Amino acid sequence: MPKSSTLRCARIALPLLLTLPLVISPVSQANQYVADRKLLNYLDSYGNLFLRNAKNFRLPDPLIVNGNMNLEYSNIESLPRKLTVEGNLNLAYSKIKTLPLQLVVHGYINLAHSEITALNNGLQVPGDLSLMGTKIKELPSYLYVGGDLYLANTAITALPQFLVVKGNIYLGGARVTQFPKEISVGGKIYK
């Protein structure tokens, strides 16, 4: 092969080889980089994400928060489809209507006075779960709460089958009349 065609091949091949890692690299790493850059001014040094009183803001998907996530009083209407929160999730007084199907929270979930309308089947909350003042009418089967469950001022009239609450249940005026045999409560039920 002549020397000039070898150089021509090298000029074409070299840029292709340099861009190959960009094509092969996982999309999730790129998404995480964009997420980190977009949320830079809202994260503290402990990994807590603070978006209290935020206007409508599109969160990156997937999103991993290494601390607590606070969206209290925010106008954010939807969460990422895949969300992991290593600490607590505070959605009190927010515009959130549904939770993502791929939600992992390692602490409590506060949904008090939010616009949430339903919870996911089999939702697992290691800490407390507060639904006070929400429009929720029923709880899903197989709900697990590792702390206390707060239901004050909700329209819930029956506890679901296979409910597990390690702490207390605070009804606070909720007119719950049905208590299935298949529930497990580690503490007490307060009316």
Protein backbone atom coordinates (compact mmCIF):
# COMPACT_ATOMS: atom_id res chain seq x y z
CA MET A 1 0.00 0.00 0.00
CA PRO A 2 1.41 3.42 -0.91
CA LYS A 3 2.46 5.73 1.91
CA SER A 4 -0.13 8.42 0.99
CA SER A 5 -3.09 6.01 1.23
CA THR A 6 -1.81 4.74 4.61
CA LEU A 7 -1.76 8.33 5.88
CA ARG A 8 -5.24 8.93 4.46
CA CYS A 9 -6.57 5.81 6.25
CA ALA A 10 -4.91 6.94 9.46
CA ARG A 11 -6.51 10.41 9.19
CA ILE A 12 -9.95 8.82 8.79
CA ALA A 13 -9.50 6.02 11.33
CA LEU A 14 -8.03 8.13 14.13
CA PRO A 15 -11.06 10.41 14.61
CA LEU A 16 -13.33 7.36 14.46
CA LEU A 17 -11.29 5.60 17.14
CA LEU A 18 -11.35 8.69 19.35
CA THR A 19 -15.17 8.97 19.13
CA LEU A 20 -15.78 5.23 19.62
CA PRO A 21 -15.67 5.42 23.45
CA LEU A 22 -18.35 8.12 23.32
CA VAL A 23 -20.60 5.85 21.29
CA ILE A 24 -19.93 2.81 23.47
CA SER A 25 -20.12 4.57 26.86
CA PRO A 26 -23.29 3.90 28.89
CA VAL A 27 -26.09 6.41 28.53
CA SER A 28 -26.71 6.32 32.26
CA GLN A 29 -23.28 7.84 32.96
CA ALA A 30 -24.06 10.71 30.61
CA ASN A 31 -27.48 11.17 32.20
CA GLN A 32 -25.94 11.22 35.68
CA TYR A 33 -23.43 13.86 34.56
CA VAL A 34 -26.23 16.03 33.16
CA ALA A 35 -28.26 15.46 36.34
CA ASP A 36 -25.33 16.50 38.53
CA ARG A 37 -24.72 19.65 36.49
CA LYS A 38 -28.42 20.60 36.37
CA LEU A 39 -28.89 20.12 40.13
CA LEU A 40 -25.53 21.58 41.17
CA ASN A 41 -27.00 24.67 42.85
CA TYR A 42 -29.62 22.62 44.70
CA LEU A 43 -27.37 19.99 46.28
CA ASP A 44 -25.45 20.48 49.52
CA SER A 45 -22.17 18.82 50.47
CA TYR A 46 -24.06 15.97 52.19
CA GLY A 47 -25.96 14.99 49.03
CA ASN A 48 -29.28 16.54 50.10
CA LEU A 49 -31.42 17.90 47.26
CA PHE A 50 -33.31 21.03 48.30
CA LEU A 51 -36.02 22.22 45.89
CA ARG A 52 -38.45 23.67 48.43
CA ASN A 53 -40.76 26.27 46.82
CA ALA A 54 -39.30 25.46 43.38
CA LYS A 55 -41.24 26.45 40.31
CA ASN A 56 -42.01 23.85 37.66
CA PHE A 57 -38.67 22.12 37.23
CA ARG A 58 -37.95 19.00 35.19
CA LEU A 59 -35.89 16.53 37.19
CA PRO A 60 -33.37 14.29 35.42
CA ASP A 61 -34.30 10.64 34.85
CA PRO A 62 -32.97 8.45 36.38
CA LEU A 63 -32.15 10.34 39.57
CA ILE A 64 -30.13 9.16 42.58
CA VAL A 65 -30.11 11.43 45.66
CA ASN A 66 -27.42 10.50 48.19
CA GLY A 67 -29.18 12.29 51.05
CA ASN A 68 -32.65 13.72 51.64
CA MET A 69 -34.89 15.11 48.89
CA ASN A 70 -37.09 18.08 49.82
CA LEU A 71 -39.76 19.25 47.35
CA GLU A 72 -42.05 20.78 49.97
CA TYR A 73 -44.33 23.52 48.58
CA SER A 74 -42.86 23.02 45.09
CA ASN A 75 -44.76 23.29 41.81
CA ILE A 76 -42.95 20.26 40.40
CA GLU A 77 -45.68 17.99 39.01
CA SER A 78 -43.81 14.78 38.23
CA LEU A 79 -40.91 12.78 39.56
CA PRO A 80 -38.41 10.84 37.46
CA ARG A 81 -39.57 7.36 36.40
CA LYS A 82 -36.60 5.90 38.28
CA LEU A 83 -35.85 7.61 41.61
CA THR A 84 -33.60 6.50 44.46
CA VAL A 85 -33.39 8.57 47.66
CA GLU A 86 -30.86 7.38 50.23
CA GLY A 87 -32.51 9.51 52.94
CA ASN A 88 -36.01 10.96 53.39
CA LEU A 89 -38.43 12.13 50.70
CA ASN A 90 -40.47 15.24 51.61
CA LEU A 91 -43.27 16.01 49.14
CA ALA A 92 -45.55 17.87 51.59
CA TYR A 93 -47.77 20.55 50.01
CA SER A 94 -46.38 19.70 46.56
CA LYS A 95 -48.14 19.26 43.19
CA ILE A 96 -47.02 15.61 42.88
CA LYS A 97 -49.98 13.37 41.92
CA THR A 98 -48.28 9.97 41.50
CA LEU A 99 -45.12 8.24 42.62
CA PRO A 100 -42.73 6.59 40.17
CA LEU A 101 -42.99 2.81 39.80
CA GLN A 102 -39.24 2.47 40.34
CA LEU A 103 -39.08 4.34 43.65
CA VAL A 104 -36.62 3.44 46.39
CA VAL A 105 -36.54 5.57 49.56
CA HIS A 106 -34.41 4.58 52.56
CA GLY A 107 -36.13 6.90 55.08
CA TYR A 108 -39.59 8.39 55.54
CA ILE A 109 -41.99 9.69 52.88
CA ASN A 110 -43.99 12.81 53.72
CA LEU A 111 -46.93 13.37 51.34
CA ALA A 112 -48.99 15.52 53.74
CA HIS A 113 -51.33 17.95 51.97
CA SER A 114 -49.85 17.07 48.56
CA GLU A 115 -51.95 16.37 45.47
CA ILE A 116 -51.13 12.65 45.54
CA THR A 117 -54.12 10.53 44.48
CA ALA A 118 -52.80 6.96 44.71
CA LEU A 119 -49.88 4.91 45.98
CA ASN A 120 -48.07 2.10 44.17
CA ASN A 121 -48.98 -1.51 44.96
CA GLY A 122 -46.37 -3.00 47.24
CA LEU A 123 -44.86 0.36 48.19
CA GLN A 124 -42.19 -0.11 50.87
CA VAL A 125 -41.30 2.74 53.19
CA PRO A 126 -38.60 1.96 55.81
CA GLY A 127 -39.58 5.00 57.91
CA ASP A 128 -42.84 6.88 58.52
CA LEU A 129 -45.46 7.49 55.84
CA SER A 130 -47.60 10.62 56.16
CA LEU A 131 -50.73 10.98 54.00
CA MET A 132 -52.42 13.62 56.18
CA GLY A 133 -54.75 15.94 54.29
CA THR A 134 -54.40 14.17 50.93
CA LYS A 135 -57.14 13.11 48.48
CA ILE A 136 -56.19 9.44 48.74
CA LYS A 137 -59.26 7.22 49.15
CA GLU A 138 -57.58 3.82 49.52
CA LEU A 139 -54.26 2.29 50.36
CA PRO A 140 -52.66 -0.37 48.14
CA SER A 141 -52.35 -4.01 49.13
CA TYR A 142 -48.98 -5.14 50.47
CA LEU A 143 -48.07 -1.66 51.74
CA TYR A 144 -45.10 -1.82 54.14
CA VAL A 145 -44.32 1.01 56.58
CA GLY A 146 -41.31 0.56 58.86
CA GLY A 147 -42.35 3.44 61.14
CA ASP A 148 -45.69 5.16 61.80
CA LEU A 149 -48.56 5.64 59.33
CA TYR A 150 -50.42 8.99 59.46
CA LEU A 151 -53.90 9.05 57.86
CA ALA A 152 -55.52 12.14 59.48
CA ASN A 153 -58.00 14.03 57.29
CA THR A 154 -58.03 11.50 54.46
CA ALA A 155 -61.03 9.79 52.82
CA ILE A 156 -59.69 6.31 53.62
CA THR A 157 -62.40 4.04 55.05
CA ALA A 158 -60.63 0.66 54.99
CA LEU A 159 -57.13 -0.60 55.65
CA PRO A 160 -55.79 -2.84 52.88
CA GLN A 161 -55.06 -6.53 53.04
CA PHE A 162 -51.53 -7.51 53.97
CA LEU A 163 -50.71 -4.06 55.37
CA VAL A 164 -47.59 -4.08 57.57
CA VAL A 165 -46.91 -1.13 59.88
CA LYS A 166 -44.07 -1.62 62.38
CA GLY A 167 -45.07 1.45 64.39
CA ASN A 168 -48.42 3.10 65.16
CA ILE A 169 -51.31 4.06 62.89
CA TYR A 170 -52.77 7.52 63.51
CA LEU A 171 -56.26 7.81 62.02
CA GLY A 172 -56.87 11.39 63.23
CA GLY A 173 -60.48 11.57 62.11
CA ALA A 174 -60.21 9.25 59.09
CA ARG A 175 -63.37 7.12 59.11
CA VAL A 176 -61.70 3.72 58.87
CA THR A 177 -64.25 1.01 59.62
CA GLN A 178 -62.63 -2.05 58.00
CA PHE A 179 -59.62 -3.72 59.59
CA PRO A 180 -58.76 -6.95 57.72
CA LYS A 181 -57.33 -9.93 59.60
CA GLU A 182 -54.29 -9.95 57.32
CA ILE A 183 -52.79 -6.72 58.67
CA SER A 184 -49.82 -6.49 61.03
CA VAL A 185 -49.38 -3.47 63.31
CA GLY A 186 -46.40 -3.38 65.66
CA GLY A 187 -47.74 -0.48 67.74
CA LYS A 188 -51.27 0.79 68.36
CA ILE A 189 -54.06 2.23 66.25
CA TYR A 190 -55.09 5.69 67.45
CA LYS A 191 -58.40 7.20 66.41
